[in-house]
């Protein structure tokens, strides 16, 4: 006589079998490396650059939370396999915090293709946040870059934005004293250069007229500085969004790099 296993027991056995066969989640290796890097940075720069050390400590907290979010939770707890272990290394104070920032930004750009797609926005945001403390850099269009249809559309939109930004800053420039114009002129030149690079990416597509602007023309020095801040922030956000949405690694890195450079330029301009 065949005995039937009660249905409740059958479900229990099936659940146990599935749990046993389900691999335990592990931390994303690239995010874990960035987390460790942020922790070490915060310790090394605590004396030489307290503001930057605090920023990097915040980045470490954000990255740890992101690692745990991706791993998921088991009854409210992070799985044991997903715990991030940080080597117990004594980090000596540094007198060259800029090197740590440059190394951190390089680590991010080198690993954007190795992190989950929905983590890119956070990591690029951290790259941008460090730009204020970094050196200026040069970036050119990657060789043989092939974009998806969506990325090509984004490149054309960014070209429009870059030409528009150059125009808007040029209008604002007329309201500034001579002593405050050099940095703005540099930013204008950079916007034109980026627009030209984007034309290469889009095979010479002519962008919309550069004099299109969503902002009213400034009428005095105060409104001019406000416009400059808004324009630069908007362009930075547009490049950030393009990097976050990118599926081509070279394009993603290029967008992140430009977003950081644009953010850094704003810190060099007096908008107060």
C-alpha atoms as a PDB file:
ATOM      1  CA  UNK A   1       0.000   0.000   0.000  1.00  0.00           C
ATOM      2  CA  UNK A   2       1.445   3.355  -1.123  1.00  0.00           C
ATOM      3  CA  UNK A   3       1.500   5.981   1.618  1.00  0.00           C
ATOM      4  CA  UNK A   4       0.837   9.596   0.709  1.00  0.00           C
ATOM      5  CA  UNK A   5       3.029  12.263   2.283  1.00  0.00           C
ATOM      6  CA  UNK A   6       0.829  14.927   3.799  1.00  0.00           C
ATOM      7  CA  UNK A   7       0.722  18.009   1.565  1.00  0.00           C
ATOM      8  CA  UNK A   8       2.088  20.303   4.277  1.00  0.00           C
ATOM      9  CA  UNK A   9       5.101  18.048   4.710  1.00  0.00           C
ATOM     10  CA  UNK A  10       5.529  17.886   0.946  1.00  0.00           C
ATOM     11  CA  UNK A  11       5.665  21.668   0.702  1.00  0.00           C
ATOM     12  CA  UNK A  12       8.127  21.792   3.584  1.00  0.00           C
ATOM     13  CA  UNK A  13      10.430  19.276   1.931  1.00  0.00           C
ATOM     14  CA  UNK A  14      10.271  21.160  -1.372  1.00  0.00           C
ATOM     15  CA  UNK A  15      11.095  24.450   0.345  1.00  0.00           C
ATOM     16  CA  UNK A  16      14.019  22.873   2.147  1.00  0.00           C
ATOM     17  CA  UNK A  17      15.279  21.432  -1.136  1.00  0.00           C
ATOM     18  CA  UNK A  18      15.068  24.822  -2.892  1.00  0.00           C
ATOM     19  CA  UNK A  19      16.866  26.606  -0.045  1.00  0.00           C
ATOM     20  CA  UNK A  20      19.617  24.005  -0.096  1.00  0.00           C
ATOM     21  CA  UNK A  21      20.049  24.396  -3.864  1.00  0.00           C
ATOM     22  CA  UNK A  22      19.896  28.204  -3.925  1.00  0.00           C
ATOM     23  CA  UNK A  23      23.409  29.712  -3.933  1.00  0.00           C
ATOM     24  CA  UNK A  24      24.135  32.176  -1.162  1.00  0.00           C
ATOM     25  CA  UNK A  25      24.422  35.792  -2.337  1.00  0.00           C
ATOM     26  CA  UNK A  26      27.849  37.416  -2.298  1.00  0.00           C
ATOM     27  CA  UNK A  27      28.784  41.102  -2.297  1.00  0.00           C
ATOM     28  CA  UNK A  28      29.457  42.616  -5.703  1.00  0.00           C
ATOM     29  CA  UNK A  29      33.270  42.576  -5.882  1.00  0.00           C
ATOM     30  CA  UNK A  30      33.634  46.012  -7.487  1.00  0.00           C
ATOM     31  CA  UNK A  31      31.292  47.683  -4.998  1.00  0.00           C
ATOM     32  CA  UNK A  32      33.091  45.978  -2.128  1.00  0.00           C
ATOM     33  CA  UNK A  33      36.410  47.298  -3.418  1.00  0.00           C
ATOM     34  CA  UNK A  34      34.985  50.824  -3.677  1.00  0.00           C
ATOM     35  CA  UNK A  35      33.611  50.512  -0.155  1.00  0.00           C
ATOM     36  CA  UNK A  36      36.999  49.517   1.195  1.00  0.00           C
ATOM     37  CA  UNK A  37      38.664  52.316  -0.775  1.00  0.00           C
ATOM     38  CA  UNK A  38      36.257  54.892   0.679  1.00  0.00           C
ATOM     39  CA  UNK A  39      36.894  53.659   4.211  1.00  0.00           C
ATOM     40  CA  UNK A  40      40.648  53.836   3.794  1.00  0.00           C
ATOM     41  CA  UNK A  41      40.382  57.308   2.212  1.00  0.00           C
ATOM     42  CA  UNK A  42      38.353  58.632   5.124  1.00  0.00           C
ATOM     43  CA  UNK A  43      41.009  57.442   7.572  1.00  0.00           C
ATOM     44  CA  UNK A  44      43.986  58.668   5.562  1.00  0.00           C
ATOM     45  CA  UNK A  45      42.582  62.152   4.988  1.00  0.00           C
ATOM     46  CA  UNK A  46      41.111  62.803   8.417  1.00  0.00           C
ATOM     47  CA  UNK A  47      43.859  65.276   9.300  1.00  0.00           C
ATOM     48  CA  UNK A  48      44.898  66.772   5.956  1.00  0.00           C
ATOM     49  CA  UNK A  49      41.391  67.214   4.517  1.00  0.00           C
ATOM     50  CA  UNK A  50      38.633  66.731   7.136  1.00  0.00           C
ATOM     51  CA  UNK A  51      35.841  67.804   4.760  1.00  0.00           C
ATOM     52  CA  UNK A  52      36.901  65.262   2.168  1.00  0.00           C
ATOM     53  CA  UNK A  53      37.379  62.600   4.854  1.00  0.00           C
ATOM     54  CA  UNK A  54      33.777  63.141   5.954  1.00  0.00           C
ATOM     55  CA  UNK A  55      32.599  62.875   2.348  1.00  0.00           C
ATOM     56  CA  UNK A  56      34.446  59.608   1.849  1.00  0.00           C
ATOM     57  CA  UNK A  57      33.047  58.231   5.104  1.00  0.00           C
ATOM     58  CA  UNK A  58      29.571  59.060   3.798  1.00  0.00           C
ATOM     59  CA  UNK A  59      30.436  57.309   0.534  1.00  0.00           C
ATOM     60  CA  UNK A  60      31.469  54.199   2.463  1.00  0.00           C
ATOM     61  CA  UNK A  61      28.126  54.154   4.285  1.00  0.00           C
ATOM     62  CA  UNK A  62      26.236  54.558   0.992  1.00  0.00           C
ATOM     63  CA  UNK A  63      28.198  51.778  -0.687  1.00  0.00           C
ATOM     64  CA  UNK A  64      27.688  49.375   2.214  1.00  0.00           C
ATOM     65  CA  UNK A  65      23.960  50.075   2.120  1.00  0.00           C
ATOM     66  CA  UNK A  66      23.961  49.479  -1.640  1.00  0.00           C
ATOM     67  CA  UNK A  67      25.809  46.176  -1.270  1.00  0.00           C
ATOM     68  CA  UNK A  68      23.249  45.035   1.306  1.00  0.00           C
ATOM     69  CA  UNK A  69      20.340  46.199  -0.847  1.00  0.00           C
ATOM     70  CA  UNK A  70      21.571  44.143  -3.767  1.00  0.00           C
ATOM     71  CA  UNK A  71      22.180  41.062  -1.624  1.00  0.00           C
ATOM     72  CA  UNK A  72      18.744  41.288  -0.075  1.00  0.00           C
ATOM     73  CA  UNK A  73      17.669  40.467   3.445  1.00  0.00           C
ATOM     74  CA  UNK A  74      16.716  37.212   5.117  1.00  0.00           C
ATOM     75  CA  UNK A  75      14.155  37.881   7.854  1.00  0.00           C
ATOM     76  CA  UNK A  76      15.479  41.408   8.177  1.00  0.00           C
ATOM     77  CA  UNK A  77      19.130  40.367   8.344  1.00  0.00           C
ATOM     78  CA  UNK A  78      21.881  40.534   5.742  1.00  0.00           C
ATOM     79  CA  UNK A  79      22.909  36.977   4.772  1.00  0.00           C
ATOM     80  CA  UNK A  80      26.166  35.873   6.370  1.00  0.00           C
ATOM     81  CA  UNK A  81      27.667  35.278   2.930  1.00  0.00           C
ATOM     82  CA  UNK A  82      27.080  38.932   2.068  1.00  0.00           C
ATOM     83  CA  UNK A  83      28.972  40.445   4.961  1.00  0.00           C
ATOM     84  CA  UNK A  84      31.818  42.668   3.761  1.00  0.00           C
ATOM     85  CA  UNK A  85      35.100  42.044   5.541  1.00  0.00           C
ATOM     86  CA  UNK A  86      37.598  44.885   5.571  1.00  0.00           C
ATOM     87  CA  UNK A  87      41.259  44.009   6.181  1.00  0.00           C
ATOM     88  CA  UNK A  88      42.618  45.376   9.445  1.00  0.00           C
ATOM     89  CA  UNK A  89      45.231  47.711   7.986  1.00  0.00           C
ATOM     90  CA  UNK A  90      46.640  50.725   9.778  1.00  0.00           C
ATOM     91  CA  UNK A  91      46.132  53.653   7.393  1.00  0.00           C
ATOM     92  CA  UNK A  92      48.703  56.387   7.876  1.00  0.00           C
ATOM     93  CA  UNK A  93      47.629  60.032   7.495  1.00  0.00           C
ATOM     94  CA  UNK A  94      48.437  61.491   4.107  1.00  0.00           C
ATOM     95  CA  UNK A  95      49.688  64.916   3.107  1.00  0.00           C
ATOM     96  CA  UNK A  96      48.558  64.342  -0.476  1.00  0.00           C
ATOM     97  CA  UNK A  97      44.768  63.942  -0.414  1.00  0.00           C
ATOM     98  CA  UNK A  98      44.512  64.850  -4.079  1.00  0.00           C
ATOM     99  CA  UNK A  99      46.265  61.615  -4.996  1.00  0.00           C
ATOM    100  CA  UNK A 100      43.681  59.640  -3.033  1.00  0.00           C
ATOM    101  CA  UNK A 101      40.865  61.411  -4.883  1.00  0.00           C
ATOM    102  CA  UNK A 102      42.453  60.798  -8.268  1.00  0.00           C
ATOM    103  CA  UNK A 103      42.964  57.128  -7.416  1.00  0.00           C
ATOM    104  CA  UNK A 104      39.373  56.822  -6.219  1.00  0.00           C
ATOM    105  CA  UNK A 105      37.982  58.401  -9.373  1.00  0.00           C
ATOM    106  CA  UNK A 106      40.139  56.131 -11.517  1.00  0.00           C
ATOM    107  CA  UNK A 107      38.854  53.109  -9.587  1.00  0.00           C
ATOM    108  CA  UNK A 108      35.284  54.166 -10.267  1.00  0.00           C
ATOM    109  CA  UNK A 109      35.781  54.712 -14.007  1.00  0.00           C
ATOM    110  CA  UNK A 110      37.635  51.405 -14.341  1.00  0.00           C
ATOM    111  CA  UNK A 111      34.837  49.446 -12.672  1.00  0.00           C
ATOM    112  CA  UNK A 112      31.607  51.025 -13.909  1.00  0.00           C
ATOM    113  CA  UNK A 113      31.052  48.036 -16.177  1.00  0.00           C
ATOM    114  CA  UNK A 114      31.450  45.619 -13.263  1.00  0.00           C
ATOM    115  CA  UNK A 115      28.739  46.927 -10.961  1.00  0.00           C
ATOM    116  CA  UNK A 116      24.976  46.342 -11.231  1.00  0.00           C
ATOM    117  CA  UNK A 117      23.257  48.700 -13.656  1.00  0.00           C
ATOM    118  CA  UNK A 118      21.031  50.118 -10.933  1.00  0.00           C
ATOM    119  CA  UNK A 119      24.112  51.005  -8.857  1.00  0.00           C
ATOM    120  CA  UNK A 120      25.695  53.173 -11.562  1.00  0.00           C
ATOM    121  CA  UNK A 121      23.781  56.338 -10.637  1.00  0.00           C
ATOM    122  CA  UNK A 122      25.014  56.197  -7.034  1.00  0.00           C
ATOM    123  CA  UNK A 123      28.626  55.497  -7.954  1.00  0.00           C
ATOM    124  CA  UNK A 124      28.734  58.224 -10.615  1.00  0.00           C
ATOM    125  CA  UNK A 125      27.241  60.630  -8.089  1.00  0.00           C
ATOM    126  CA  UNK A 126      30.162  59.814  -5.778  1.00  0.00           C
ATOM    127  CA  UNK A 127      32.585  60.397  -8.652  1.00  0.00           C
ATOM    128  CA  UNK A 128      31.042  63.821  -9.243  1.00  0.00           C
ATOM    129  CA  UNK A 129      31.128  64.694  -5.542  1.00  0.00           C
ATOM    130  CA  UNK A 130      34.891  64.144  -5.466  1.00  0.00           C
ATOM    131  CA  UNK A 131      35.480  66.354  -8.511  1.00  0.00           C
ATOM    132  CA  UNK A 132      35.773  69.496  -6.371  1.00  0.00           C
ATOM    133  CA  UNK A 133      38.895  68.048  -4.784  1.00  0.00           C
ATOM    134  CA  UNK A 134      40.463  66.650  -7.964  1.00  0.00           C
ATOM    135  CA  UNK A 135      42.809  67.987 -10.604  1.00  0.00           C
ATOM    136  CA  UNK A 136      41.536  69.106 -13.968  1.00  0.00           C
ATOM    137  CA  UNK A 137      41.642  66.405 -16.609  1.00  0.00           C
ATOM    138  CA  UNK A 138      41.406  65.952 -20.343  1.00  0.00           C
ATOM    139  CA  UNK A 139      39.062  63.462 -21.925  1.00  0.00           C
ATOM    140  CA  UNK A 140      38.442  62.744 -25.571  1.00  0.00           C
ATOM    141  CA  UNK A 141      35.921  60.694 -27.485  1.00  0.00           C
ATOM    142  CA  UNK A 142      36.766  56.973 -27.291  1.00  0.00           C
ATOM    143  CA  UNK A 143      38.050  55.518 -30.556  1.00  0.00           C
ATOM    144  CA  UNK A 144      35.545  53.453 -32.581  1.00  0.00           C
ATOM    145  CA  UNK A 145      32.717  54.282 -30.203  1.00  0.00           C
ATOM    146  CA  UNK A 146      29.459  52.635 -31.232  1.00  0.00           C
ATOM    147  CA  UNK A 147      26.303  53.817 -29.508  1.00  0.00           C
ATOM    148  CA  UNK A 148      22.863  52.340 -29.224  1.00  0.00           C
ATOM    149  CA  UNK A 149      19.947  54.271 -30.664  1.00  0.00           C
ATOM    150  CA  UNK A 150      19.030  55.585 -27.210  1.00  0.00           C
ATOM    151  CA  UNK A 151      22.619  56.637 -26.501  1.00  0.00           C
ATOM    152  CA  UNK A 152      22.862  58.433 -29.851  1.00  0.00           C
ATOM    153  CA  UNK A 153      19.726  60.371 -28.985  1.00  0.00           C
ATOM    154  CA  UNK A 154      21.237  61.245 -25.612  1.00  0.00           C
ATOM    155  CA  UNK A 155      24.448  62.429 -27.309  1.00  0.00           C
ATOM    156  CA  UNK A 156      22.491  64.746 -29.600  1.00  0.00           C
ATOM    157  CA  UNK A 157      20.578  66.135 -26.621  1.00  0.00           C
ATOM    158  CA  UNK A 158      23.842  66.718 -24.752  1.00  0.00           C
ATOM    159  CA  UNK A 159      25.283  68.542 -27.762  1.00  0.00           C
ATOM    160  CA  UNK A 160      22.286  70.876 -27.695  1.00  0.00           C
ATOM    161  CA  UNK A 161      22.763  71.403 -23.969  1.00  0.00           C
ATOM    162  CA  UNK A 162      26.476  72.146 -24.326  1.00  0.00           C
ATOM    163  CA  UNK A 163      25.922  74.764 -27.034  1.00  0.00           C
ATOM    164  CA  UNK A 164      23.070  76.252 -25.032  1.00  0.00           C
ATOM    165  CA  UNK A 165      25.241  76.358 -21.906  1.00  0.00           C
ATOM    166  CA  UNK A 166      28.011  78.156 -23.786  1.00  0.00           C
ATOM    167  CA  UNK A 167      25.495  80.720 -25.030  1.00  0.00           C
ATOM    168  CA  UNK A 168      23.933  81.250 -21.599  1.00  0.00           C
ATOM    169  CA  UNK A 169      27.301  81.708 -19.906  1.00  0.00           C
ATOM    170  CA  UNK A 170      28.290  84.160 -22.619  1.00  0.00           C
ATOM    171  CA  UNK A 171      25.212  86.252 -21.901  1.00  0.00           C
ATOM    172  CA  UNK A 172      25.890  86.122 -18.158  1.00  0.00           C
ATOM    173  CA  UNK A 173      29.518  87.063 -18.712  1.00  0.00           C
ATOM    174  CA  UNK A 174      28.543  90.581 -19.765  1.00  0.00           C
ATOM    175  CA  UNK A 175      27.139  91.236 -16.288  1.00  0.00           C
ATOM    176  CA  UNK A 176      30.273  90.173 -14.410  1.00  0.00           C
ATOM    177  CA  UNK A 177      33.222  92.369 -13.432  1.00  0.00           C
ATOM    178  CA  UNK A 178      36.431  91.862 -15.409  1.00  0.00           C
ATOM    179  CA  UNK A 179      38.106  90.206 -12.426  1.00  0.00           C
ATOM    180  CA  UNK A 180      35.593  87.335 -12.402  1.00  0.00           C
ATOM    181  CA  UNK A 181      35.441  86.546 -16.096  1.00  0.00           C
ATOM    182  CA  UNK A 182      38.409  84.252 -16.697  1.00  0.00           C
ATOM    183  CA  UNK A 183      36.917  81.109 -15.132  1.00  0.00           C
ATOM    184  CA  UNK A 184      33.611  81.652 -16.933  1.00  0.00           C
ATOM    185  CA  UNK A 185      35.406  82.113 -20.246  1.00  0.00           C
ATOM    186  CA  UNK A 186      37.222  78.831 -19.632  1.00  0.00           C
ATOM    187  CA  UNK A 187      33.912  77.110 -18.945  1.00  0.00           C
ATOM    188  CA  UNK A 188      32.451  78.531 -22.170  1.00  0.00           C
ATOM    189  CA  UNK A 189      35.415  77.202 -24.133  1.00  0.00           C
ATOM    190  CA  UNK A 190      35.010  73.789 -22.529  1.00  0.00           C
ATOM    191  CA  UNK A 191      31.308  73.678 -23.408  1.00  0.00           C
ATOM    192  CA  UNK A 192      32.158  74.412 -27.050  1.00  0.00           C
ATOM    193  CA  UNK A 193      34.846  71.711 -27.036  1.00  0.00           C
ATOM    194  CA  UNK A 194      32.432  69.143 -25.624  1.00  0.00           C
ATOM    195  CA  UNK A 195      29.765  70.076 -28.131  1.00  0.00           C
ATOM    196  CA  UNK A 196      32.326  69.563 -30.910  1.00  0.00           C
ATOM    197  CA  UNK A 197      33.255  66.153 -29.519  1.00  0.00           C
ATOM    198  CA  UNK A 198      29.599  65.210 -29.396  1.00  0.00           C
ATOM    199  CA  UNK A 199      29.286  66.192 -33.044  1.00  0.00           C
ATOM    200  CA  UNK A 200      31.995  63.617 -33.778  1.00  0.00           C
ATOM    201  CA  UNK A 201      30.063  60.985 -31.847  1.00  0.00           C
ATOM    202  CA  UNK A 202      26.847  61.790 -33.712  1.00  0.00           C
ATOM    203  CA  UNK A 203      28.613  61.822 -37.094  1.00  0.00           C
ATOM    204  CA  UNK A 204      28.511  65.558 -37.540  1.00  0.00           C
ATOM    205  CA  UNK A 205      24.855  66.049 -36.697  1.00  0.00           C
ATOM    206  CA  UNK A 206      24.179  69.766 -36.458  1.00  0.00           C
ATOM    207  CA  UNK A 207      22.872  70.630 -32.977  1.00  0.00           C
ATOM    208  CA  UNK A 208      20.000  72.963 -32.247  1.00  0.00           C
ATOM    209  CA  UNK A 209      20.917  76.674 -32.200  1.00  0.00           C
ATOM    210  CA  UNK A 210      23.141  77.481 -29.264  1.00  0.00           C
ATOM    211  CA  UNK A 211      21.182  80.551 -28.298  1.00  0.00           C
ATOM    212  CA  UNK A 212      18.240  78.487 -27.024  1.00  0.00           C
ATOM    213  CA  UNK A 213      18.006  78.846 -23.242  1.00  0.00           C
ATOM    214  CA  UNK A 214      15.330  78.032 -20.714  1.00  0.00           C
ATOM    215  CA  UNK A 215      16.532  80.803 -18.408  1.00  0.00           C
ATOM    216  CA  UNK A 216      15.649  84.499 -18.663  1.00  0.00           C
ATOM    217  CA  UNK A 217      18.572  86.722 -19.587  1.00  0.00           C
ATOM    218  CA  UNK A 218      20.324  88.094 -16.484  1.00  0.00           C
ATOM    219  CA  UNK A 219      19.863  91.796 -15.834  1.00  0.00           C
ATOM    220  CA  UNK A 220      22.524  92.294 -13.183  1.00  0.00           C
ATOM    221  CA  UNK A 221      25.505  90.623 -11.544  1.00  0.00           C
ATOM    222  CA  UNK A 222      23.399  88.692  -9.009  1.00  0.00           C
ATOM    223  CA  UNK A 223      21.109  87.148 -11.622  1.00  0.00           C
ATOM    224  CA  UNK A 224      24.123  86.426 -13.843  1.00  0.00           C
ATOM    225  CA  UNK A 225      25.837  84.413 -11.110  1.00  0.00           C
ATOM    226  CA  UNK A 226      22.601  82.591 -10.356  1.00  0.00           C
ATOM    227  CA  UNK A 227      22.188  81.670 -14.037  1.00  0.00           C
ATOM    228  CA  UNK A 228      25.754  80.390 -14.240  1.00  0.00           C
ATOM    229  CA  UNK A 229      25.194  78.120 -11.242  1.00  0.00           C
ATOM    230  CA  UNK A 230      21.911  76.800 -12.653  1.00  0.00           C
ATOM    231  CA  UNK A 231      23.338  76.197 -16.123  1.00  0.00           C
ATOM    232  CA  UNK A 232      26.392  74.313 -14.848  1.00  0.00           C
ATOM    233  CA  UNK A 233      24.351  72.213 -12.425  1.00  0.00           C
ATOM    234  CA  UNK A 234      21.841  71.328 -15.151  1.00  0.00           C
ATOM    235  CA  UNK A 235      24.574  70.239 -17.545  1.00  0.00           C
ATOM    236  CA  UNK A 236      26.237  68.145 -14.832  1.00  0.00           C
ATOM    237  CA  UNK A 237      22.922  66.442 -14.085  1.00  0.00           C
ATOM    238  CA  UNK A 238      22.355  65.755 -17.791  1.00  0.00           C
ATOM    239  CA  UNK A 239      25.729  64.022 -18.115  1.00  0.00           C
ATOM    240  CA  UNK A 240      25.048  62.126 -14.880  1.00  0.00           C
ATOM    241  CA  UNK A 241      21.727  60.910 -16.262  1.00  0.00           C
ATOM    242  CA  UNK A 242      23.376  59.850 -19.526  1.00  0.00           C
ATOM    243  CA  UNK A 243      26.018  57.864 -17.637  1.00  0.00           C
ATOM    244  CA  UNK A 244      23.359  56.201 -15.487  1.00  0.00           C
ATOM    245  CA  UNK A 245      21.303  55.167 -18.522  1.00  0.00           C
ATOM    246  CA  UNK A 246      24.242  54.054 -20.689  1.00  0.00           C
ATOM    247  CA  UNK A 247      24.682  50.432 -21.698  1.00  0.00           C
ATOM    248  CA  UNK A 248      27.924  50.931 -23.656  1.00  0.00           C
ATOM    249  CA  UNK A 249      30.812  50.961 -21.198  1.00  0.00           C
ATOM    250  CA  UNK A 250      33.026  53.450 -23.085  1.00  0.00           C
ATOM    251  CA  UNK A 251      30.111  55.895 -23.399  1.00  0.00           C
ATOM    252  CA  UNK A 252      29.213  55.432 -19.722  1.00  0.00           C
ATOM    253  CA  UNK A 253      32.776  56.241 -18.659  1.00  0.00           C
ATOM    254  CA  UNK A 254      32.950  59.230 -21.007  1.00  0.00           C
ATOM    255  CA  UNK A 255      29.689  60.671 -19.613  1.00  0.00           C
ATOM    256  CA  UNK A 256      30.784  60.165 -16.007  1.00  0.00           C
ATOM    257  CA  UNK A 257      34.123  61.841 -16.714  1.00  0.00           C
ATOM    258  CA  UNK A 258      32.465  64.889 -18.294  1.00  0.00           C
ATOM    259  CA  UNK A 259      29.938  65.127 -15.461  1.00  0.00           C
ATOM    260  CA  UNK A 260      32.781  65.311 -12.956  1.00  0.00           C
ATOM    261  CA  UNK A 261      34.726  67.870 -14.983  1.00  0.00           C
ATOM    262  CA  UNK A 262      31.667  70.102 -15.344  1.00  0.00           C
ATOM    263  CA  UNK A 263      30.977  69.930 -11.602  1.00  0.00           C
ATOM    264  CA  UNK A 264      34.587  70.847 -10.877  1.00  0.00           C
ATOM    265  CA  UNK A 265      34.425  73.868 -13.194  1.00  0.00           C
ATOM    266  CA  UNK A 266      31.541  75.288 -11.212  1.00  0.00           C
ATOM    267  CA  UNK A 267      33.590  75.186  -8.007  1.00  0.00           C
ATOM    268  CA  UNK A 268      36.154  77.446  -9.689  1.00  0.00           C
ATOM    269  CA  UNK A 269      33.555  80.108 -10.503  1.00  0.00           C
ATOM    270  CA  UNK A 270      32.382  82.578  -7.876  1.00  0.00           C
ATOM    271  CA  UNK A 271      28.579  82.302  -7.963  1.00  0.00           C
ATOM    272  CA  UNK A 272      27.994  83.813  -4.522  1.00  0.00           C
END
